[in-house]
Amino acid sequence: MVQHEPSSSRGARTGPVRTCLGCRQRSLTADLLRIVAREVEPKRFVLVPDPERRLTGRGAWLHPDPECLSQAERRRAFGRALRVPGNPDAAALVQLVGSGDGASLGVAPQ
């Protein structure tokens, strides 16, 4: 089921809404980065950013903000949200989000 943000005024942005794994706030998908898990070895997964929202598999959503990333890692939210065993490797995601360049990720500024 796709949830949409109700438009409260003319010109307000609308679209699908998802919850950020880090801060747990609901936001439009245009403001969030989609993340998927890829298996690199048996029972070992890495987190892969999906800025174009086209990769197959279960996705999780995160604000492209280092604070949201650290909260999600601290709570071990990625493994649960993506339904993978253990704690997936987030090194590539940390490097990408840590740069703080949401525009290069295809994410609208907040």
C-alpha atoms as a PDB file:
ATOM      1  CA  MET A   1       0.000   0.000   0.000  1.00  0.00           C
ATOM      2  CA  VAL A   2       1.380   3.378  -0.991  1.00  0.00           C
ATOM      3  CA  GLN A   3       0.770   6.204   1.445  1.00  0.00           C
ATOM      4  CA  HIS A   4       0.542   9.758   0.236  1.00  0.00           C
ATOM      5  CA  GLU A   5       1.117  12.983   2.101  1.00  0.00           C
ATOM      6  CA  PRO A   6      -2.156  14.932   2.260  1.00  0.00           C
ATOM      7  CA  SER A   7      -1.952  18.271   0.519  1.00  0.00           C
ATOM      8  CA  SER A   8      -2.813  21.016   2.969  1.00  0.00           C
ATOM      9  CA  SER A   9      -2.295  23.941   0.614  1.00  0.00           C
ATOM     10  CA  ARG A  10      -1.913  24.668  -3.051  1.00  0.00           C
ATOM     11  CA  GLY A  11       1.541  23.941  -4.389  1.00  0.00           C
ATOM     12  CA  ALA A  12       2.402  21.561  -1.530  1.00  0.00           C
ATOM     13  CA  ARG A  13       4.513  18.587  -2.550  1.00  0.00           C
ATOM     14  CA  THR A  14       2.726  15.260  -2.488  1.00  0.00           C
ATOM     15  CA  GLY A  15       3.771  11.722  -3.174  1.00  0.00           C
ATOM     16  CA  PRO A  16       4.621   8.438  -1.500  1.00  0.00           C
ATOM     17  CA  VAL A  17       5.627   8.658   2.157  1.00  0.00           C
ATOM     18  CA  ARG A  18       8.124   6.403   3.957  1.00  0.00           C
ATOM     19  CA  THR A  19       9.690   6.334   7.424  1.00  0.00           C
ATOM     20  CA  CYS A  20      13.381   7.127   7.918  1.00  0.00           C
ATOM     21  CA  LEU A  21      15.216   4.286   9.691  1.00  0.00           C
ATOM     22  CA  GLY A  22      17.287   6.761  11.669  1.00  0.00           C
ATOM     23  CA  CYS A  23      15.027   9.488  13.011  1.00  0.00           C
ATOM     24  CA  ARG A  24      11.763   7.552  12.488  1.00  0.00           C
ATOM     25  CA  GLN A  25      10.106  10.595  10.893  1.00  0.00           C
ATOM     26  CA  ARG A  26       7.763  10.143   7.966  1.00  0.00           C
ATOM     27  CA  SER A  27       8.910  11.980   4.839  1.00  0.00           C
ATOM     28  CA  LEU A  28       8.274  12.009   1.131  1.00  0.00           C
ATOM     29  CA  THR A  29      10.354   9.447  -0.769  1.00  0.00           C
ATOM     30  CA  ALA A  30      11.858  12.337  -2.746  1.00  0.00           C
ATOM     31  CA  ASP A  31      13.549  13.455   0.498  1.00  0.00           C
ATOM     32  CA  LEU A  32      14.864  10.000   1.436  1.00  0.00           C
ATOM     33  CA  LEU A  33      17.566   7.681   0.136  1.00  0.00           C
ATOM     34  CA  ARG A  34      16.533   4.101  -0.658  1.00  0.00           C
ATOM     35  CA  ILE A  35      18.908   1.382   0.528  1.00  0.00           C
ATOM     36  CA  VAL A  36      18.999  -2.303  -0.386  1.00  0.00           C
ATOM     37  CA  ALA A  37      21.109  -5.194   0.887  1.00  0.00           C
ATOM     38  CA  ARG A  38      23.248  -7.301  -1.444  1.00  0.00           C
ATOM     39  CA  GLU A  39      24.721 -10.667  -0.458  1.00  0.00           C
ATOM     40  CA  VAL A  40      28.479 -10.748  -1.128  1.00  0.00           C
ATOM     41  CA  GLU A  41      29.182 -14.058   0.615  1.00  0.00           C
ATOM     42  CA  PRO A  42      26.876 -16.605   2.186  1.00  0.00           C
ATOM     43  CA  LYS A  43      25.152 -14.825   5.080  1.00  0.00           C
ATOM     44  CA  ARG A  44      27.239 -11.649   4.609  1.00  0.00           C
ATOM     45  CA  PHE A  45      25.482  -8.578   3.270  1.00  0.00           C
ATOM     46  CA  VAL A  46      26.497  -5.046   2.301  1.00  0.00           C
ATOM     47  CA  LEU A  47      24.246  -1.995   2.154  1.00  0.00           C
ATOM     48  CA  VAL A  48      23.927  -0.469  -1.305  1.00  0.00           C
ATOM     49  CA  PRO A  49      22.454   3.002  -1.882  1.00  0.00           C
ATOM     50  CA  ASP A  50      19.749   3.085  -4.539  1.00  0.00           C
ATOM     51  CA  PRO A  51      19.301   6.777  -5.421  1.00  0.00           C
ATOM     52  CA  GLU A  52      17.366   5.959  -8.603  1.00  0.00           C
ATOM     53  CA  ARG A  53      15.044   3.602  -6.665  1.00  0.00           C
ATOM     54  CA  ARG A  54      15.372   0.865  -9.276  1.00  0.00           C
ATOM     55  CA  LEU A  55      17.324  -1.990  -7.651  1.00  0.00           C
ATOM     56  CA  THR A  56      15.425  -5.169  -6.979  1.00  0.00           C
ATOM     57  CA  GLY A  57      14.766  -6.416  -3.504  1.00  0.00           C
ATOM     58  CA  ARG A  58      13.439  -5.082  -0.268  1.00  0.00           C
ATOM     59  CA  GLY A  59      14.291  -1.453   0.374  1.00  0.00           C
ATOM     60  CA  ALA A  60      14.763   0.673   3.455  1.00  0.00           C
ATOM     61  CA  TRP A  61      14.623   4.467   3.578  1.00  0.00           C
ATOM     62  CA  LEU A  62      16.955   6.944   5.240  1.00  0.00           C
ATOM     63  CA  HIS A  63      17.484  10.695   5.228  1.00  0.00           C
ATOM     64  CA  PRO A  64      20.893  11.362   3.603  1.00  0.00           C
ATOM     65  CA  ASP A  65      22.069  12.802   6.914  1.00  0.00           C
ATOM     66  CA  PRO A  66      24.994  11.418   8.956  1.00  0.00           C
ATOM     67  CA  GLU A  67      22.952  11.756  12.159  1.00  0.00           C
ATOM     68  CA  CYS A  68      20.119   9.580  10.803  1.00  0.00           C
ATOM     69  CA  LEU A  69      22.670   7.038   9.583  1.00  0.00           C
ATOM     70  CA  SER A  70      24.365   6.824  12.978  1.00  0.00           C
ATOM     71  CA  GLN A  71      21.007   6.416  14.757  1.00  0.00           C
ATOM     72  CA  ALA A  72      20.003   3.602  12.387  1.00  0.00           C
ATOM     73  CA  GLU A  73      23.356   1.847  12.889  1.00  0.00           C
ATOM     74  CA  ARG A  74      23.204   2.267  16.669  1.00  0.00           C
ATOM     75  CA  ARG A  75      19.754   0.623  16.766  1.00  0.00           C
ATOM     76  CA  ARG A  76      20.794  -2.057  14.228  1.00  0.00           C
ATOM     77  CA  ALA A  77      17.768  -1.089  12.172  1.00  0.00           C
ATOM     78  CA  PHE A  78      19.140  -2.094   8.750  1.00  0.00           C
ATOM     79  CA  GLY A  79      19.170  -5.841   9.400  1.00  0.00           C
ATOM     80  CA  ARG A  80      15.608  -5.819  10.688  1.00  0.00           C
ATOM     81  CA  ALA A  81      14.204  -3.515   8.004  1.00  0.00           C
ATOM     82  CA  LEU A  82      15.873  -5.384   5.145  1.00  0.00           C
ATOM     83  CA  ARG A  83      15.251  -8.798   6.738  1.00  0.00           C
ATOM     84  CA  VAL A  84      18.831  -9.988   6.516  1.00  0.00           C
ATOM     85  CA  PRO A  85      20.715 -11.929   9.199  1.00  0.00           C
ATOM     86  CA  GLY A  86      23.305 -10.144  11.297  1.00  0.00           C
ATOM     87  CA  ASN A  87      24.457  -6.591  10.842  1.00  0.00           C
ATOM     88  CA  PRO A  88      25.086  -5.660   7.161  1.00  0.00           C
ATOM     89  CA  ASP A  89      28.272  -3.810   6.227  1.00  0.00           C
ATOM     90  CA  ALA A  90      27.479  -0.101   5.902  1.00  0.00           C
ATOM     91  CA  ALA A  91      30.951   1.135   4.861  1.00  0.00           C
ATOM     92  CA  ALA A  92      29.894   2.325   1.383  1.00  0.00           C
ATOM     93  CA  LEU A  93      26.816   3.995   2.812  1.00  0.00           C
ATOM     94  CA  VAL A  94      28.826   5.718   5.557  1.00  0.00           C
ATOM     95  CA  GLN A  95      31.243   7.081   2.970  1.00  0.00           C
ATOM     96  CA  LEU A  96      28.434   8.316   0.705  1.00  0.00           C
ATOM     97  CA  VAL A  97      26.162   9.844   3.359  1.00  0.00           C
ATOM     98  CA  GLY A  98      29.092  11.111   5.420  1.00  0.00           C
ATOM     99  CA  SER A  99      30.006  13.445   2.561  1.00  0.00           C
ATOM    100  CA  GLY A 100      26.670  15.194   3.166  1.00  0.00           C
ATOM    101  CA  ASP A 101      26.017  15.706  -0.544  1.00  0.00           C
ATOM    102  CA  GLY A 102      22.324  14.778  -0.872  1.00  0.00           C
ATOM    103  CA  ALA A 103      22.093  16.416  -4.303  1.00  0.00           C
ATOM    104  CA  SER A 104      24.488  13.844  -5.798  1.00  0.00           C
ATOM    105  CA  LEU A 105      22.304  11.095  -4.350  1.00  0.00           C
ATOM    106  CA  GLY A 106      19.258  12.274  -6.275  1.00  0.00           C
ATOM    107  CA  VAL A 107      17.545  13.395  -3.072  1.00  0.00           C
ATOM    108  CA  ALA A 108      15.661  16.663  -2.828  1.00  0.00           C
ATOM    109  CA  PRO A 109      16.908  19.148  -0.230  1.00  0.00           C
ATOM    110  CA  GLN A 110      14.856  19.363   2.951  1.00  0.00           C
END
